[in-house]
Amino acid sequence: MSISDRLLVLSFVALAGGLSGCVTVKPQDRTILADPIMQIGAESPAHTQVNHALENREGANGGDGVSGGGCGCN
């Protein structure tokens, strides 16, 4: 098999792989795909539940990811 034949086969494989990624999404499926949980970096439901439990137990809200204490000074 020559180099040109290999290049031809590789280009067909790449073309077939690229075309298989194109899909039409039905309108009723768009609501599921647009859910915030599907976004990269979205908080998981378990993380949200743990934060809610900690906020209720500690009597504090926030403070996870921002600088400063609760005294009002930055």
PDB file of N, CA and C in Angstrom:
ATOM      1  N   MET A   1       0.856  -1.168   0.000  1.00  0.00           N
ATOM      2  CA  MET A   1       0.000   0.000   0.000  1.00  0.00           C
ATOM      3  C   MET A   1       0.905   1.235   0.000  1.00  0.00           C
ATOM      4  N   SER A   2       0.698   2.082  -0.981  1.00  0.00           N
ATOM      5  CA  SER A   2       1.559   3.254  -1.115  1.00  0.00           C
ATOM      6  C   SER A   2       1.099   4.371  -0.167  1.00  0.00           C
ATOM      7  N   ILE A   3       1.905   5.383  -0.087  1.00  0.00           N
ATOM      8  CA  ILE A   3       1.608   6.510   0.800  1.00  0.00           C
ATOM      9  C   ILE A   3       0.348   7.237   0.344  1.00  0.00           C
ATOM     10  N   SER A   4       0.158   7.371  -0.954  1.00  0.00           N
ATOM     11  CA  SER A   4      -1.035   8.062  -1.463  1.00  0.00           C
ATOM     12  C   SER A   4      -2.306   7.267  -1.150  1.00  0.00           C
ATOM     13  N   ASP A   5      -2.218   5.928  -1.194  1.00  0.00           N
ATOM     14  CA  ASP A   5      -3.371   5.098  -0.840  1.00  0.00           C
ATOM     15  C   ASP A   5      -3.700   5.242   0.650  1.00  0.00           C
ATOM     16  N   ARG A   6      -2.662   5.259   1.460  1.00  0.00           N
ATOM     17  CA  ARG A   6      -2.878   5.435   2.904  1.00  0.00           C
ATOM     18  C   ARG A   6      -3.489   6.799   3.205  1.00  0.00           C
ATOM     19  N   LEU A   7      -3.012   7.821   2.500  1.00  0.00           N
ATOM     20  CA  LEU A   7      -3.556   9.163   2.702  1.00  0.00           C
ATOM     21  C   LEU A   7      -5.014   9.226   2.278  1.00  0.00           C
ATOM     22  N   LEU A   8      -5.353   8.538   1.195  1.00  0.00           N
ATOM     23  CA  LEU A   8      -6.736   8.505   0.722  1.00  0.00           C
ATOM     24  C   LEU A   8      -7.640   7.810   1.735  1.00  0.00           C
ATOM     25  N   VAL A   9      -7.192   6.676   2.254  1.00  0.00           N
ATOM     26  CA  VAL A   9      -7.976   5.945   3.259  1.00  0.00           C
ATOM     27  C   VAL A   9      -8.131   6.782   4.520  1.00  0.00           C
ATOM     28  N   LEU A  10      -7.045   7.417   4.945  1.00  0.00           N
ATOM     29  CA  LEU A  10      -7.095   8.258   6.138  1.00  0.00           C
ATOM     30  C   LEU A  10      -8.046   9.437   5.954  1.00  0.00           C
ATOM     31  N   SER A  11      -8.060  10.022   4.771  1.00  0.00           N
ATOM     32  CA  SER A  11      -8.967  11.144   4.527  1.00  0.00           C
ATOM     33  C   SER A  11     -10.429  10.688   4.536  1.00  0.00           C
ATOM     34  N   PHE A  12     -10.711   9.506   3.995  1.00  0.00           N
ATOM     35  CA  PHE A  12     -12.081   8.985   4.038  1.00  0.00           C
ATOM     36  C   PHE A  12     -12.523   8.684   5.469  1.00  0.00           C
ATOM     37  N   VAL A  13     -11.619   8.130   6.258  1.00  0.00           N
ATOM     38  CA  VAL A  13     -11.937   7.842   7.654  1.00  0.00           C
ATOM     39  C   VAL A  13     -12.199   9.144   8.420  1.00  0.00           C
ATOM     40  N   ALA A  14     -11.371  10.155   8.173  1.00  0.00           N
ATOM     41  CA  ALA A  14     -11.563  11.447   8.830  1.00  0.00           C
ATOM     42  C   ALA A  14     -12.873  12.100   8.389  1.00  0.00           C
ATOM     43  N   LEU A  15     -13.196  11.997   7.114  1.00  0.00           N
ATOM     44  CA  LEU A  15     -14.441  12.562   6.601  1.00  0.00           C
ATOM     45  C   LEU A  15     -15.649  11.850   7.201  1.00  0.00           C
ATOM     46  N   ALA A  16     -15.592  10.523   7.274  1.00  0.00           N
ATOM     47  CA  ALA A  16     -16.700   9.764   7.853  1.00  0.00           C
ATOM     48  C   ALA A  16     -16.852  10.082   9.336  1.00  0.00           C
ATOM     49  N   GLY A  17     -15.758  10.222  10.040  1.00  0.00           N
ATOM     50  CA  GLY A  17     -15.828  10.575  11.460  1.00  0.00           C
ATOM     51  C   GLY A  17     -16.358  11.976  11.675  1.00  0.00           C
ATOM     52  N   GLY A  18     -15.979  12.893  10.814  1.00  0.00           N
ATOM     53  CA  GLY A  18     -16.468  14.264  10.935  1.00  0.00           C
ATOM     54  C   GLY A  18     -17.943  14.393  10.620  1.00  0.00           C
ATOM     55  N   LEU A  19     -18.410  13.664   9.621  1.00  0.00           N
ATOM     56  CA  LEU A  19     -19.821  13.743   9.260  1.00  0.00           C
ATOM     57  C   LEU A  19     -20.722  13.022  10.258  1.00  0.00           C
ATOM     58  N   SER A  20     -20.187  12.061  10.965  1.00  0.00           N
ATOM     59  CA  SER A  20     -21.024  11.360  11.945  1.00  0.00           C
ATOM     60  C   SER A  20     -21.291  12.212  13.178  1.00  0.00           C
ATOM     61  N   GLY A  21     -20.518  13.274  13.379  1.00  0.00           N
ATOM     62  CA  GLY A  21     -20.723  14.154  14.520  1.00  0.00           C
ATOM     63  C   GLY A  21     -21.807  15.186  14.276  1.00  0.00           C
ATOM     64  N   CYS A  22     -22.272  15.327  13.048  1.00  0.00           N
ATOM     65  CA  CYS A  22     -23.322  16.295  12.737  1.00  0.00           C
ATOM     66  C   CYS A  22     -24.676  15.651  12.992  1.00  0.00           C
ATOM     67  N   VAL A  23     -25.466  16.283  13.823  1.00  0.00           N
ATOM     68  CA  VAL A  23     -26.771  15.737  14.149  1.00  0.00           C
ATOM     69  C   VAL A  23     -27.754  16.886  14.344  1.00  0.00           C
ATOM     70  N   THR A  24     -29.002  16.654  13.991  1.00  0.00           N
ATOM     71  CA  THR A  24     -30.052  17.632  14.220  1.00  0.00           C
ATOM     72  C   THR A  24     -30.752  17.286  15.523  1.00  0.00           C
ATOM     73  N   VAL A  25     -30.862  18.272  16.407  1.00  0.00           N
ATOM     74  CA  VAL A  25     -31.482  18.051  17.710  1.00  0.00           C
ATOM     75  C   VAL A  25     -32.943  18.462  17.621  1.00  0.00           C
ATOM     76  N   LYS A  26     -33.810  17.582  18.085  1.00  0.00           N
ATOM     77  CA  LYS A  26     -35.242  17.864  18.075  1.00  0.00           C
ATOM     78  C   LYS A  26     -35.558  18.939  19.114  1.00  0.00           C
ATOM     79  N   PRO A  27     -36.591  19.768  18.865  1.00  0.00           N
ATOM     80  CA  PRO A  27     -36.923  20.836  19.814  1.00  0.00           C
ATOM     81  C   PRO A  27     -37.227  20.326  21.225  1.00  0.00           C
ATOM     82  N   GLN A  28     -37.861  19.167  21.334  1.00  0.00           N
ATOM     83  CA  GLN A  28     -38.185  18.656  22.668  1.00  0.00           C
ATOM     84  C   GLN A  28     -36.937  18.175  23.402  1.00  0.00           C
ATOM     85  N   ASP A  29     -35.861  17.858  22.672  1.00  0.00           N
ATOM     86  CA  ASP A  29     -34.615  17.429  23.298  1.00  0.00           C
ATOM     87  C   ASP A  29     -33.722  18.604  23.669  1.00  0.00           C
ATOM     88  N   ARG A  30     -33.962  19.769  23.087  1.00  0.00           N
ATOM     89  CA  ARG A  30     -33.125  20.932  23.378  1.00  0.00           C
ATOM     90  C   ARG A  30     -33.267  21.388  24.815  1.00  0.00           C
ATOM     91  N   THR A  31     -34.440  21.222  25.398  1.00  0.00           N
ATOM     92  CA  THR A  31     -34.614  21.632  26.789  1.00  0.00           C
ATOM     93  C   THR A  31     -33.775  20.772  27.718  1.00  0.00           C
ATOM     94  N   ILE A  32     -33.631  19.502  27.383  1.00  0.00           N
ATOM     95  CA  ILE A  32     -32.813  18.609  28.207  1.00  0.00           C
ATOM     96  C   ILE A  32     -31.341  18.976  28.055  1.00  0.00           C
ATOM     97  N   LEU A  33     -30.908  19.251  26.829  1.00  0.00           N
ATOM     98  CA  LEU A  33     -29.509  19.566  26.588  1.00  0.00           C
ATOM     99  C   LEU A  33     -29.137  20.952  27.098  1.00  0.00           C
ATOM    100  N   ALA A  34     -30.108  21.842  27.237  1.00  0.00           N
ATOM    101  CA  ALA A  34     -29.838  23.194  27.727  1.00  0.00           C
ATOM    102  C   ALA A  34     -29.915  23.277  29.247  1.00  0.00           C
ATOM    103  N   ASP A  35     -30.118  22.162  29.916  1.00  0.00           N
ATOM    104  CA  ASP A  35     -30.176  22.135  31.370  1.00  0.00           C
ATOM    105  C   ASP A  35     -28.834  22.595  31.938  1.00  0.00           C
ATOM    106  N   PRO A  36     -28.831  23.435  32.964  1.00  0.00           N
ATOM    107  CA  PRO A  36     -27.563  23.914  33.527  1.00  0.00           C
ATOM    108  C   PRO A  36     -26.648  22.795  34.013  1.00  0.00           C
ATOM    109  N   ILE A  37     -27.193  21.657  34.374  1.00  0.00           N
ATOM    110  CA  ILE A  37     -26.357  20.555  34.846  1.00  0.00           C
ATOM    111  C   ILE A  37     -25.502  20.005  33.710  1.00  0.00           C
ATOM    112  N   MET A  38     -25.898  20.260  32.450  1.00  0.00           N
ATOM    113  CA  MET A  38     -25.143  19.769  31.303  1.00  0.00           C
ATOM    114  C   MET A  38     -23.970  20.684  30.950  1.00  0.00           C
ATOM    115  N   GLN A  39     -23.865  21.840  31.586  1.00  0.00           N
ATOM    116  CA  GLN A  39     -22.798  22.779  31.292  1.00  0.00           C
ATOM    117  C   GLN A  39     -21.498  22.343  31.950  1.00  0.00           C
ATOM    118  N   ILE A  40     -20.398  22.650  31.305  1.00  0.00           N
ATOM    119  CA  ILE A  40     -19.085  22.323  31.863  1.00  0.00           C
ATOM    120  C   ILE A  40     -18.842  23.231  33.062  1.00  0.00           C
ATOM    121  N   GLY A  41     -18.456  22.642  34.168  1.00  0.00           N
ATOM    122  CA  GLY A  41     -18.173  23.420  35.361  1.00  0.00           C
ATOM    123  C   GLY A  41     -19.392  23.655  36.238  1.00  0.00           C
ATOM    124  N   ALA A  42     -20.522  23.091  35.884  1.00  0.00           N
ATOM    125  CA  ALA A  42     -21.719  23.268  36.697  1.00  0.00           C
ATOM    126  C   ALA A  42     -21.581  22.462  37.985  1.00  0.00           C
ATOM    127  N   GLU A  43     -22.166  22.960  39.045  1.00  0.00           N
ATOM    128  CA  GLU A  43     -22.117  22.238  40.316  1.00  0.00           C
ATOM    129  C   GLU A  43     -22.999  21.002  40.233  1.00  0.00           C
ATOM    130  N   SER A  44     -22.522  19.941  40.810  1.00  0.00           N
ATOM    131  CA  SER A  44     -23.303  18.721  40.827  1.00  0.00           C
ATOM    132  C   SER A  44     -24.394  18.844  41.895  1.00  0.00           C
ATOM    133  N   PRO A  45     -25.487  18.092  41.758  1.00  0.00           N
ATOM    134  CA  PRO A  45     -26.531  18.136  42.781  1.00  0.00           C
ATOM    135  C   PRO A  45     -26.014  17.736  44.162  1.00  0.00           C
ATOM    136  N   ALA A  46     -25.066  16.807  44.221  1.00  0.00           N
ATOM    137  CA  ALA A  46     -24.524  16.391  45.509  1.00  0.00           C
ATOM    138  C   ALA A  46     -23.753  17.539  46.162  1.00  0.00           C
ATOM    139  N   HIS A  47     -22.992  18.284  45.366  1.00  0.00           N
ATOM    140  CA  HIS A  47     -22.243  19.422  45.903  1.00  0.00           C
ATOM    141  C   HIS A  47     -23.206  20.498  46.403  1.00  0.00           C
ATOM    142  N   THR A  48     -24.267  20.730  45.666  1.00  0.00           N
ATOM    143  CA  THR A  48     -25.262  21.714  46.079  1.00  0.00           C
ATOM    144  C   THR A  48     -25.929  21.295  47.380  1.00  0.00           C
ATOM    145  N   GLN A  49     -26.233  20.022  47.534  1.00  0.00           N
ATOM    146  CA  GLN A  49     -26.870  19.532  48.755  1.00  0.00           C
ATOM    147  C   GLN A  49     -25.933  19.645  49.952  1.00  0.00           C
ATOM    148  N   VAL A  50     -24.671  19.344  49.754  1.00  0.00           N
ATOM    149  CA  VAL A  50     -23.704  19.454  50.852  1.00  0.00           C
ATOM    150  C   VAL A  50     -23.556  20.915  51.272  1.00  0.00           C
ATOM    151  N   ASN A  51     -23.471  21.816  50.296  1.00  0.00           N
ATOM    152  CA  ASN A  51     -23.383  23.238  50.631  1.00  0.00           C
ATOM    153  C   ASN A  51     -24.614  23.699  51.395  1.00  0.00           C
ATOM    154  N   HIS A  52     -25.785  23.237  50.994  1.00  0.00           N
ATOM    155  CA  HIS A  52     -27.022  23.629  51.684  1.00  0.00           C
ATOM    156  C   HIS A  52     -27.013  23.121  53.125  1.00  0.00           C
ATOM    157  N   ALA A  53     -26.569  21.881  53.321  1.00  0.00           N
ATOM    158  CA  ALA A  53     -26.517  21.322  54.671  1.00  0.00           C
ATOM    159  C   ALA A  53     -25.507  22.081  55.535  1.00  0.00           C
ATOM    160  N   LEU A  54     -24.355  22.422  54.970  1.00  0.00           N
ATOM    161  CA  LEU A  54     -23.355  23.169  55.729  1.00  0.00           C
ATOM    162  C   LEU A  54     -23.844  24.565  56.086  1.00  0.00           C
ATOM    163  N   GLU A  55     -24.526  25.217  55.155  1.00  0.00           N
ATOM    164  CA  GLU A  55     -25.059  26.552  55.432  1.00  0.00           C
ATOM    165  C   GLU A  55     -26.076  26.504  56.561  1.00  0.00           C
ATOM    166  N   ASN A  56     -26.922  25.489  56.569  1.00  0.00           N
ATOM    167  CA  ASN A  56     -27.921  25.374  57.623  1.00  0.00           C
ATOM    168  C   ASN A  56     -27.284  25.017  58.963  1.00  0.00           C
ATOM    169  N   ARG A  57     -26.293  24.140  58.949  1.00  0.00           N
ATOM    170  CA  ARG A  57     -25.658  23.707  60.185  1.00  0.00           C
ATOM    171  C   ARG A  57     -24.804  24.818  60.786  1.00  0.00           C
ATOM    172  N   GLU A  58     -24.058  25.523  59.958  1.00  0.00           N
ATOM    173  CA  GLU A  58     -23.149  26.550  60.446  1.00  0.00           C
ATOM    174  C   GLU A  58     -23.849  27.896  60.663  1.00  0.00           C
ATOM    175  N   GLY A  59     -25.001  28.066  60.069  1.00  0.00           N
ATOM    176  CA  GLY A  59     -25.697  29.345  60.194  1.00  0.00           C
ATOM    177  C   GLY A  59     -25.039  30.432  59.367  1.00  0.00           C
ATOM    178  N   ALA A  60     -24.304  30.039  58.355  1.00  0.00           N
ATOM    179  CA  ALA A  60     -23.611  31.004  57.509  1.00  0.00           C
ATOM    180  C   ALA A  60     -23.951  30.706  56.054  1.00  0.00           C
ATOM    181  N   ASN A  61     -23.896  31.744  55.253  1.00  0.00           N
ATOM    182  CA  ASN A  61     -24.197  31.594  53.839  1.00  0.00           C
ATOM    183  C   ASN A  61     -23.024  32.139  53.053  1.00  0.00           C
ATOM    184  N   GLY A  62     -22.583  31.412  52.037  1.00  0.00           N
ATOM    185  CA  GLY A  62     -21.482  31.875  51.201  1.00  0.00           C
ATOM    186  C   GLY A  62     -20.148  31.625  51.847  1.00  0.00           C
ATOM    187  N   GLY A  63     -19.155  32.396  51.434  1.00  0.00           N
ATOM    188  CA  GLY A  63     -17.836  32.270  51.981  1.00  0.00           C
ATOM    189  C   GLY A  63     -17.034  31.123  51.408  1.00  0.00           C
ATOM    190  N   ASP A  64     -17.537  30.492  50.379  1.00  0.00           N
ATOM    191  CA  ASP A  64     -16.782  29.396  49.773  1.00  0.00           C
ATOM    192  C   ASP A  64     -16.265  29.831  48.402  1.00  0.00           C
ATOM    193  N   GLY A  65     -15.153  30.482  48.406  1.00  0.00           N
ATOM    194  CA  GLY A  65     -14.566  30.882  47.142  1.00  0.00           C
ATOM    195  C   GLY A  65     -14.307  32.377  47.052  1.00  0.00           C
ATOM    196  N   VAL A  66     -14.690  33.152  48.042  1.00  0.00           N
ATOM    197  CA  VAL A  66     -14.398  34.576  48.054  1.00  0.00           C
ATOM    198  C   VAL A  66     -13.471  34.872  49.217  1.00  0.00           C
ATOM    199  N   SER A  67     -12.675  35.897  49.056  1.00  0.00           N
ATOM    200  CA  SER A  67     -11.736  36.219  50.123  1.00  0.00           C
ATOM    201  C   SER A  67     -12.412  37.089  51.165  1.00  0.00           C
ATOM    202  N   GLY A  68     -11.845  37.108  52.339  1.00  0.00           N
ATOM    203  CA  GLY A  68     -12.365  37.945  53.420  1.00  0.00           C
ATOM    204  C   GLY A  68     -13.141  37.111  54.413  1.00  0.00           C
ATOM    205  N   GLY A  69     -13.242  37.638  55.601  1.00  0.00           N
ATOM    206  CA  GLY A  69     -13.977  36.960  56.644  1.00  0.00           C
ATOM    207  C   GLY A  69     -15.397  37.460  56.726  1.00  0.00           C
ATOM    208  N   GLY A  70     -16.007  37.303  57.845  1.00  0.00           N
ATOM    209  CA  GLY A  70     -17.375  37.773  58.020  1.00  0.00           C
ATOM    210  C   GLY A  70     -17.449  39.120  58.715  1.00  0.00           C
ATOM    211  N   CYS A  71     -16.288  39.785  58.888  1.00  0.00           N
ATOM    212  CA  CYS A  71     -16.248  41.019  59.654  1.00  0.00           C
ATOM    213  C   CYS A  71     -16.532  42.253  58.820  1.00  0.00           C
ATOM    214  N   GLY A  72     -16.605  42.104  57.491  1.00  0.00           N
ATOM    215  CA  GLY A  72     -16.868  43.253  56.641  1.00  0.00           C
ATOM    216  C   GLY A  72     -15.622  43.863  56.071  1.00  0.00           C
ATOM    217  N   CYS A  73     -14.450  43.431  56.509  1.00  0.00           N
ATOM    218  CA  CYS A  73     -13.206  43.942  55.937  1.00  0.00           C
ATOM    219  C   CYS A  73     -12.795  43.060  54.777  1.00  0.00           C
ATOM    220  N   ASN A  74     -12.250  43.667  53.751  1.00  0.00           N
ATOM    221  CA  ASN A  74     -11.855  42.878  52.573  1.00  0.00           C
ATOM    222  C   ASN A  74     -10.441  42.494  52.700  1.00  0.00           C
TER     223      ASN A  74
END
